[in-house]
């Protein structure tokens, strides 16, 4: 496995993600509306194939993970991307890393807490508001849980 950090996603990487990985280049959360290809990112490769991606935004005291995608699950790719992001944040003298997920995303809540992230806030109806900007955000997940709130997690470095 190989991991590379970029200040901005290349058009070639974006093209591969859009055509082969069912990638959505727009993310809307309570902190803003983002075009992921314009953000700094870490890409995971296996045999020159993109198998994972993490995008983030840099703030004064922390970085915020905007997206984390592992295209091959249960192989440690997400954990390695997260560790790489923590190293980048530490090298930039940031005090913490923050990530936002949604109330129904039990898998993400498990993953981040397993990696020592702590829940610091719940933003009620944040997804309901985000849906006004990006109507393609589903209202209900595949298990019938209404998607409406954001859960903020943070790890101090």
N, C-alpha and C. Protein backbone atom coordinates (compact mmCIF):
# COMPACT_ATOMS: atom_id res chain seq x y z
N UNK A 1 0.85 -1.18 0.00
CA UNK A 1 0.00 0.00 0.00
C UNK A 1 0.89 1.24 0.00
N UNK A 2 0.48 2.23 -0.76
CA UNK A 2 1.23 3.48 -0.84
C UNK A 2 0.26 4.64 -0.59
N UNK A 3 0.72 5.63 0.16
CA UNK A 3 -0.09 6.80 0.49
C UNK A 3 0.63 8.04 0.02
N UNK A 4 -0.11 8.92 -0.67
CA UNK A 4 0.48 10.17 -1.16
C UNK A 4 -0.41 11.33 -0.74
N UNK A 5 0.24 12.42 -0.36
CA UNK A 5 -0.45 13.63 0.05
C UNK A 5 -0.36 14.66 -1.06
N UNK A 6 -1.47 15.36 -1.31
CA UNK A 6 -1.52 16.38 -2.36
C UNK A 6 -2.15 17.65 -1.78
N UNK A 7 -1.67 18.81 -2.24
CA UNK A 7 -2.28 20.07 -1.83
C UNK A 7 -3.66 20.25 -2.43
N UNK A 8 -3.87 19.62 -3.57
CA UNK A 8 -5.15 19.67 -4.28
C UNK A 8 -5.19 18.43 -5.18
N UNK A 9 -6.36 17.86 -5.33
CA UNK A 9 -6.51 16.66 -6.14
C UNK A 9 -6.27 16.98 -7.62
N UNK A 10 -5.52 16.13 -8.29
CA UNK A 10 -5.26 16.35 -9.72
C UNK A 10 -6.51 15.99 -10.53
N UNK A 11 -6.58 16.53 -11.74
CA UNK A 11 -7.70 16.20 -12.63
C UNK A 11 -7.72 14.72 -12.96
N UNK A 12 -6.54 14.10 -13.05
CA UNK A 12 -6.45 12.67 -13.34
C UNK A 12 -7.07 11.85 -12.20
N UNK A 13 -6.73 12.18 -10.96
CA UNK A 13 -7.31 11.47 -9.81
C UNK A 13 -8.82 11.67 -9.78
N UNK A 14 -9.26 12.92 -9.96
CA UNK A 14 -10.70 13.20 -9.97
C UNK A 14 -11.41 12.41 -11.05
N UNK A 15 -10.85 12.36 -12.23
CA UNK A 15 -11.45 11.62 -13.34
C UNK A 15 -11.61 10.14 -13.00
N UNK A 16 -10.59 9.55 -12.40
CA UNK A 16 -10.65 8.14 -12.00
C UNK A 16 -11.73 7.93 -10.94
N UNK A 17 -11.77 8.81 -9.95
CA UNK A 17 -12.77 8.68 -8.89
C UNK A 17 -14.19 8.80 -9.43
N UNK A 18 -14.40 9.76 -10.32
CA UNK A 18 -15.74 9.96 -10.89
C UNK A 18 -16.17 8.79 -11.77
N UNK A 19 -15.25 8.24 -12.54
CA UNK A 19 -15.62 7.19 -13.49
C UNK A 19 -15.62 5.79 -12.89
N UNK A 20 -14.77 5.55 -11.89
CA UNK A 20 -14.62 4.19 -11.38
C UNK A 20 -15.10 3.97 -9.95
N UNK A 21 -15.24 5.02 -9.16
CA UNK A 21 -15.49 4.84 -7.73
C UNK A 21 -16.82 5.44 -7.25
N UNK A 22 -17.68 5.85 -8.17
CA UNK A 22 -18.97 6.43 -7.79
C UNK A 22 -18.77 7.59 -6.80
N UNK A 23 -17.82 8.44 -7.10
CA UNK A 23 -17.40 9.53 -6.22
C UNK A 23 -18.28 10.75 -6.40
N UNK A 24 -18.69 11.36 -5.29
CA UNK A 24 -19.44 12.61 -5.31
C UNK A 24 -18.47 13.72 -4.89
N UNK A 25 -18.21 14.67 -5.76
CA UNK A 25 -17.21 15.71 -5.53
C UNK A 25 -17.70 16.86 -4.65
N UNK A 26 -18.97 16.84 -4.25
CA UNK A 26 -19.49 17.93 -3.42
C UNK A 26 -19.91 17.38 -2.06
N UNK A 27 -19.49 18.08 -1.02
CA UNK A 27 -19.85 17.72 0.35
C UNK A 27 -20.42 18.95 1.03
N UNK A 28 -21.57 18.78 1.67
CA UNK A 28 -22.18 19.88 2.41
C UNK A 28 -22.34 19.44 3.86
N UNK A 29 -21.70 20.17 4.76
CA UNK A 29 -21.84 19.94 6.20
C UNK A 29 -22.02 21.29 6.87
N UNK A 30 -22.21 21.28 8.17
CA UNK A 30 -22.48 22.53 8.89
C UNK A 30 -21.34 23.55 8.79
N UNK A 31 -20.12 23.09 8.53
CA UNK A 31 -19.00 24.02 8.42
C UNK A 31 -18.85 24.62 7.04
N UNK A 32 -19.63 24.13 6.07
CA UNK A 32 -19.56 24.71 4.74
C UNK A 32 -19.90 23.74 3.63
N UNK A 33 -19.86 24.27 2.43
CA UNK A 33 -20.09 23.49 1.21
C UNK A 33 -18.74 23.37 0.51
N UNK A 34 -18.32 22.15 0.23
CA UNK A 34 -16.97 21.91 -0.27
C UNK A 34 -16.97 21.19 -1.61
N UNK A 35 -16.07 21.60 -2.49
CA UNK A 35 -15.72 20.84 -3.69
C UNK A 35 -14.48 20.05 -3.28
N UNK A 36 -14.63 18.75 -3.11
CA UNK A 36 -13.57 17.93 -2.53
C UNK A 36 -12.27 17.98 -3.32
N UNK A 37 -12.38 18.07 -4.64
CA UNK A 37 -11.16 18.08 -5.47
C UNK A 37 -10.32 19.34 -5.28
N UNK A 38 -10.87 20.35 -4.61
CA UNK A 38 -10.12 21.59 -4.36
C UNK A 38 -9.43 21.60 -3.00
N UNK A 39 -9.64 20.53 -2.22
CA UNK A 39 -9.07 20.46 -0.87
C UNK A 39 -7.78 19.65 -0.85
N UNK A 40 -6.94 19.87 0.17
CA UNK A 40 -5.80 18.97 0.35
C UNK A 40 -6.32 17.55 0.56
N UNK A 41 -5.54 16.57 0.11
CA UNK A 41 -6.02 15.19 0.23
C UNK A 41 -4.87 14.21 0.41
N UNK A 42 -5.24 13.04 0.87
CA UNK A 42 -4.33 11.90 0.97
C UNK A 42 -4.99 10.79 0.16
N UNK A 43 -4.23 10.20 -0.76
CA UNK A 43 -4.76 9.13 -1.60
C UNK A 43 -4.01 7.84 -1.28
N UNK A 44 -4.76 6.76 -1.11
CA UNK A 44 -4.18 5.43 -0.88
C UNK A 44 -4.20 4.67 -2.20
N UNK A 45 -3.06 4.08 -2.54
CA UNK A 45 -2.93 3.30 -3.78
C UNK A 45 -2.52 1.87 -3.46
N UNK A 46 -3.04 0.94 -4.23
CA UNK A 46 -2.56 -0.43 -4.21
C UNK A 46 -2.39 -0.85 -5.66
N UNK A 47 -1.16 -1.20 -6.03
CA UNK A 47 -0.85 -1.55 -7.43
C UNK A 47 -1.33 -0.46 -8.39
N UNK A 48 -1.08 0.79 -8.04
CA UNK A 48 -1.46 1.98 -8.83
C UNK A 48 -2.97 2.20 -8.94
N UNK A 49 -3.77 1.44 -8.21
CA UNK A 49 -5.22 1.63 -8.19
C UNK A 49 -5.58 2.44 -6.95
N UNK A 50 -6.46 3.41 -7.09
CA UNK A 50 -6.90 4.21 -5.94
C UNK A 50 -7.83 3.36 -5.09
N UNK A 51 -7.44 3.16 -3.82
CA UNK A 51 -8.25 2.33 -2.92
C UNK A 51 -8.77 3.13 -1.72
N UNK A 52 -8.35 4.39 -1.58
CA UNK A 52 -8.84 5.20 -0.48
C UNK A 52 -8.52 6.67 -0.69
N UNK A 53 -9.31 7.53 -0.02
CA UNK A 53 -9.14 8.97 -0.16
C UNK A 53 -9.60 9.66 1.11
N UNK A 54 -8.81 10.62 1.57
CA UNK A 54 -9.20 11.47 2.69
C UNK A 54 -8.98 12.91 2.25
N UNK A 55 -9.99 13.76 2.43
CA UNK A 55 -9.84 15.20 2.14
C UNK A 55 -9.99 15.96 3.45
N UNK A 56 -9.35 17.12 3.52
CA UNK A 56 -9.40 17.87 4.77
C UNK A 56 -9.27 19.37 4.51
N UNK A 57 -9.66 20.14 5.53
CA UNK A 57 -9.54 21.59 5.49
C UNK A 57 -8.70 22.01 6.70
N UNK A 58 -7.81 22.95 6.47
CA UNK A 58 -6.90 23.41 7.53
C UNK A 58 -7.46 24.67 8.18
N UNK A 59 -7.53 24.65 9.51
CA UNK A 59 -7.91 25.82 10.30
C UNK A 59 -6.72 26.20 11.19
N UNK A 60 -6.84 27.29 11.92
CA UNK A 60 -5.73 27.77 12.74
C UNK A 60 -5.23 26.72 13.74
N UNK A 61 -6.15 26.11 14.48
CA UNK A 61 -5.73 25.20 15.56
C UNK A 61 -5.98 23.73 15.27
N UNK A 62 -6.66 23.42 14.18
CA UNK A 62 -6.98 22.02 13.90
C UNK A 62 -7.18 21.82 12.40
N UNK A 63 -7.25 20.55 12.01
CA UNK A 63 -7.72 20.25 10.66
C UNK A 63 -9.05 19.51 10.80
N UNK A 64 -9.89 19.72 9.81
CA UNK A 64 -11.18 19.03 9.78
C UNK A 64 -11.19 18.06 8.62
N UNK A 65 -11.45 16.81 8.92
CA UNK A 65 -11.61 15.81 7.87
C UNK A 65 -12.97 16.07 7.22
N UNK A 66 -12.96 16.29 5.92
CA UNK A 66 -14.21 16.56 5.20
C UNK A 66 -14.77 15.27 4.62
N UNK A 67 -13.90 14.40 4.12
CA UNK A 67 -14.37 13.11 3.61
C UNK A 67 -13.31 12.05 3.84
N UNK A 68 -13.77 10.84 4.07
CA UNK A 68 -12.89 9.68 4.19
C UNK A 68 -13.58 8.51 3.50
N UNK A 69 -12.98 8.05 2.42
CA UNK A 69 -13.55 6.94 1.64
C UNK A 69 -12.53 5.82 1.53
N UNK A 70 -12.95 4.63 1.91
CA UNK A 70 -12.15 3.44 1.69
C UNK A 70 -12.91 2.61 0.67
N UNK A 71 -12.33 2.42 -0.50
CA UNK A 71 -13.02 1.71 -1.58
C UNK A 71 -12.87 0.20 -1.48
N UNK A 72 -12.01 -0.25 -0.56
CA UNK A 72 -11.85 -1.67 -0.23
C UNK A 72 -11.94 -1.73 1.29
N UNK A 73 -13.03 -2.28 1.82
CA UNK A 73 -13.25 -2.22 3.26
C UNK A 73 -12.54 -3.34 4.02
N UNK A 74 -12.34 -3.08 5.30
CA UNK A 74 -11.76 -4.04 6.25
C UNK A 74 -10.34 -4.46 5.91
N UNK A 75 -9.58 -3.55 5.32
CA UNK A 75 -8.17 -3.81 5.00
C UNK A 75 -7.26 -2.81 5.71
N UNK A 76 -7.82 -1.97 6.59
CA UNK A 76 -7.02 -1.00 7.32
C UNK A 76 -6.74 0.29 6.57
N UNK A 77 -7.34 0.44 5.39
CA UNK A 77 -7.07 1.63 4.57
C UNK A 77 -7.54 2.90 5.27
N UNK A 78 -8.76 2.89 5.79
CA UNK A 78 -9.29 4.05 6.49
C UNK A 78 -8.45 4.43 7.70
N UNK A 79 -8.03 3.43 8.46
CA UNK A 79 -7.19 3.69 9.64
C UNK A 79 -5.85 4.28 9.24
N UNK A 80 -5.25 3.76 8.17
CA UNK A 80 -3.97 4.30 7.70
C UNK A 80 -4.13 5.74 7.20
N UNK A 81 -5.21 6.02 6.48
CA UNK A 81 -5.46 7.39 6.03
C UNK A 81 -5.62 8.33 7.22
N UNK A 82 -6.35 7.88 8.23
CA UNK A 82 -6.56 8.67 9.43
C UNK A 82 -5.23 8.93 10.14
N UNK A 83 -4.40 7.90 10.28
CA UNK A 83 -3.09 8.07 10.91
C UNK A 83 -2.22 9.05 10.13
N UNK A 84 -2.26 8.96 8.82
CA UNK A 84 -1.48 9.86 7.96
C UNK A 84 -1.96 11.31 8.18
N UNK A 85 -3.27 11.51 8.25
CA UNK A 85 -3.83 12.85 8.49
C UNK A 85 -3.39 13.38 9.85
N UNK A 86 -3.34 12.50 10.85
CA UNK A 86 -2.90 12.91 12.18
C UNK A 86 -1.43 13.34 12.16
N UNK A 87 -0.61 12.65 11.40
CA UNK A 87 0.80 13.03 11.26
C UNK A 87 0.92 14.39 10.58
N UNK A 88 0.14 14.60 9.52
CA UNK A 88 0.15 15.89 8.83
C UNK A 88 -0.25 17.01 9.79
N UNK A 89 -1.33 16.79 10.55
CA UNK A 89 -1.81 17.80 11.49
C UNK A 89 -0.75 18.09 12.55
N UNK A 90 -0.13 17.05 13.05
CA UNK A 90 0.92 17.21 14.06
C UNK A 90 2.12 17.97 13.49
N UNK A 91 2.51 17.63 12.27
CA UNK A 91 3.62 18.33 11.61
C UNK A 91 3.30 19.81 11.38
N UNK A 92 2.01 20.13 11.26
CA UNK A 92 1.58 21.52 11.08
C UNK A 92 1.35 22.22 12.42
N UNK A 93 1.68 21.53 13.52
CA UNK A 93 1.49 22.04 14.89
C UNK A 93 0.03 22.31 15.22
N UNK A 94 -0.86 21.51 14.66
CA UNK A 94 -2.28 21.62 15.00
C UNK A 94 -2.53 20.88 16.30
N UNK A 95 -3.51 21.34 17.07
CA UNK A 95 -3.79 20.76 18.38
C UNK A 95 -4.75 19.58 18.31
N UNK A 96 -5.53 19.50 17.22
CA UNK A 96 -6.52 18.42 17.15
C UNK A 96 -6.97 18.20 15.71
N UNK A 97 -7.71 17.11 15.56
CA UNK A 97 -8.39 16.81 14.30
C UNK A 97 -9.87 16.68 14.62
N UNK A 98 -10.68 17.24 13.75
CA UNK A 98 -12.13 17.22 13.94
C UNK A 98 -12.74 16.53 12.73
N UNK A 99 -13.83 15.81 12.96
CA UNK A 99 -14.56 15.17 11.87
C UNK A 99 -16.05 15.23 12.20
N UNK A 100 -16.84 15.34 11.16
CA UNK A 100 -18.30 15.37 11.32
C UNK A 100 -18.88 14.17 10.59
N UNK A 101 -19.79 13.48 11.26
CA UNK A 101 -20.54 12.41 10.60
C UNK A 101 -22.02 12.62 10.91
N UNK A 102 -22.84 11.74 10.41
CA UNK A 102 -24.29 11.91 10.58
C UNK A 102 -24.83 10.90 11.59
N UNK A 103 -25.99 11.21 12.14
CA UNK A 103 -26.56 10.44 13.24
C UNK A 103 -26.77 8.96 12.93
N UNK A 104 -27.04 8.61 11.68
CA UNK A 104 -27.33 7.21 11.35
C UNK A 104 -26.08 6.41 11.00
N UNK A 105 -24.94 7.07 10.89
CA UNK A 105 -23.73 6.41 10.40
C UNK A 105 -23.00 5.70 11.55
N UNK A 106 -23.59 4.61 11.99
CA UNK A 106 -23.07 3.85 13.13
C UNK A 106 -21.66 3.33 12.84
N UNK A 107 -21.44 2.92 11.60
CA UNK A 107 -20.12 2.41 11.20
C UNK A 107 -19.04 3.47 11.40
N UNK A 108 -19.33 4.71 10.99
CA UNK A 108 -18.36 5.80 11.15
C UNK A 108 -18.17 6.14 12.63
N UNK A 109 -19.26 6.16 13.39
CA UNK A 109 -19.14 6.45 14.82
C UNK A 109 -18.27 5.41 15.52
N UNK A 110 -18.45 4.15 15.17
CA UNK A 110 -17.62 3.08 15.71
C UNK A 110 -16.15 3.29 15.31
N UNK A 111 -15.94 3.52 14.02
CA UNK A 111 -14.58 3.66 13.48
C UNK A 111 -13.82 4.79 14.17
N UNK A 112 -14.43 5.97 14.25
CA UNK A 112 -13.72 7.11 14.83
C UNK A 112 -13.48 6.92 16.33
N UNK A 113 -14.47 6.40 17.04
CA UNK A 113 -14.28 6.20 18.47
C UNK A 113 -13.23 5.12 18.74
N UNK A 114 -13.19 4.10 17.90
CA UNK A 114 -12.15 3.07 18.01
C UNK A 114 -10.76 3.68 17.83
N UNK A 115 -10.69 4.75 17.04
CA UNK A 115 -9.43 5.45 16.79
C UNK A 115 -9.23 6.64 17.73
N UNK A 116 -9.92 6.60 18.87
CA UNK A 116 -9.73 7.56 19.97
C UNK A 116 -10.28 8.97 19.70
N UNK A 117 -11.25 9.07 18.83
CA UNK A 117 -11.96 10.34 18.64
C UNK A 117 -13.12 10.35 19.64
N UNK A 118 -13.42 11.54 20.16
CA UNK A 118 -14.50 11.66 21.14
C UNK A 118 -15.59 12.57 20.60
N UNK A 119 -16.81 12.23 20.92
CA UNK A 119 -17.95 13.06 20.53
C UNK A 119 -17.89 14.35 21.34
N UNK A 120 -17.91 15.48 20.63
CA UNK A 120 -17.83 16.77 21.31
C UNK A 120 -19.07 17.63 21.11
N UNK A 121 -19.90 17.27 20.12
CA UNK A 121 -21.07 18.09 19.86
C UNK A 121 -22.05 17.33 18.98
N UNK A 122 -23.31 17.69 19.10
CA UNK A 122 -24.35 17.22 18.18
C UNK A 122 -25.00 18.48 17.62
N UNK A 123 -25.05 18.56 16.31
CA UNK A 123 -25.67 19.72 15.66
C UNK A 123 -27.02 19.25 15.12
N UNK A 124 -28.05 19.56 15.87
CA UNK A 124 -29.39 19.10 15.52
C UNK A 124 -29.88 19.74 14.23
N UNK A 125 -30.48 18.93 13.38
CA UNK A 125 -31.07 19.34 12.10
C UNK A 125 -30.07 19.89 11.09
N UNK A 126 -28.78 19.66 11.29
CA UNK A 126 -27.76 20.16 10.36
C UNK A 126 -27.91 19.52 8.98
N UNK A 127 -28.25 18.24 8.94
CA UNK A 127 -28.40 17.57 7.64
C UNK A 127 -29.67 18.05 6.95
N UNK A 128 -30.69 18.31 7.72
CA UNK A 128 -31.92 18.87 7.15
C UNK A 128 -31.60 20.19 6.45
N UNK A 129 -30.76 21.02 7.07
CA UNK A 129 -30.35 22.29 6.47
C UNK A 129 -29.45 22.06 5.25
N UNK A 130 -28.53 21.11 5.35
CA UNK A 130 -27.62 20.81 4.23
C UNK A 130 -28.40 20.33 3.01
N UNK A 131 -29.48 19.64 3.24
CA UNK A 131 -30.30 19.11 2.15
C UNK A 131 -30.92 20.24 1.31
N UNK A 132 -31.07 21.43 1.90
CA UNK A 132 -31.58 22.58 1.15
C UNK A 132 -30.56 23.02 0.09
N UNK A 133 -29.26 22.81 0.38
CA UNK A 133 -28.19 23.15 -0.57
C UNK A 133 -27.92 22.00 -1.52
N UNK A 134 -27.98 20.78 -0.99
CA UNK A 134 -27.70 19.58 -1.78
C UNK A 134 -28.87 18.60 -1.60
N UNK A 135 -29.91 18.74 -2.42
CA UNK A 135 -31.11 17.92 -2.27
C UNK A 135 -30.89 16.42 -2.44
N UNK A 136 -29.76 16.01 -3.02
CA UNK A 136 -29.50 14.59 -3.23
C UNK A 136 -29.12 13.85 -1.94
N UNK A 137 -28.92 14.58 -0.84
CA UNK A 137 -28.64 13.91 0.44
C UNK A 137 -29.90 13.14 0.84
N UNK A 138 -29.77 11.83 1.07
CA UNK A 138 -30.96 11.03 1.40
C UNK A 138 -31.59 11.48 2.72
N UNK A 139 -32.90 11.32 2.83
CA UNK A 139 -33.62 11.66 4.05
C UNK A 139 -33.63 10.50 5.04
N UNK A 140 -33.60 9.28 4.50
CA UNK A 140 -33.66 8.07 5.32
C UNK A 140 -32.60 7.10 4.82
N UNK A 141 -31.90 6.43 5.74
CA UNK A 141 -30.87 5.47 5.31
C UNK A 141 -31.51 4.12 5.00
N UNK A 142 -30.68 3.17 4.56
CA UNK A 142 -31.18 1.86 4.13
C UNK A 142 -31.82 1.06 5.26
N UNK A 143 -31.54 1.45 6.53
CA UNK A 143 -32.14 0.76 7.67
C UNK A 143 -33.37 1.48 8.21
N UNK A 144 -33.79 2.54 7.52
CA UNK A 144 -34.99 3.26 7.93
C UNK A 144 -34.75 4.35 8.95
N UNK A 145 -33.50 4.69 9.23
CA UNK A 145 -33.20 5.75 10.20
C UNK A 145 -33.19 7.10 9.49
N UNK A 146 -33.92 8.05 10.06
CA UNK A 146 -33.96 9.39 9.48
C UNK A 146 -32.59 10.06 9.65
N UNK A 147 -32.07 10.64 8.57
CA UNK A 147 -30.77 11.32 8.59
C UNK A 147 -31.03 12.81 8.77
N UNK A 148 -30.70 13.33 9.96
CA UNK A 148 -31.00 14.74 10.18
C UNK A 148 -29.97 15.51 11.00
N UNK A 149 -29.20 14.83 11.85
CA UNK A 149 -28.27 15.52 12.74
C UNK A 149 -26.82 15.20 12.39
N UNK A 150 -25.92 16.11 12.75
CA UNK A 150 -24.49 15.86 12.61
C UNK A 150 -23.90 15.59 13.99
N UNK A 151 -22.94 14.69 14.01
CA UNK A 151 -22.21 14.40 15.24
C UNK A 151 -20.75 14.80 15.00
N UNK A 152 -20.24 15.65 15.87
CA UNK A 152 -18.87 16.15 15.75
C UNK A 152 -17.98 15.35 16.70
N UNK A 153 -16.87 14.86 16.14
CA UNK A 153 -15.89 14.13 16.94
C UNK A 153 -14.54 14.83 16.81
N UNK A 154 -13.73 14.71 17.85
CA UNK A 154 -12.43 15.37 17.85
C UNK A 154 -11.41 14.48 18.55
N UNK A 155 -10.18 14.54 18.05
CA UNK A 155 -9.06 13.86 18.70
C UNK A 155 -7.98 14.89 18.96
N UNK A 156 -7.58 15.01 20.22
CA UNK A 156 -6.48 15.90 20.57
C UNK A 156 -5.17 15.22 20.21
N UNK A 157 -4.25 16.01 19.68
CA UNK A 157 -2.95 15.45 19.26
C UNK A 157 -1.87 15.74 20.29
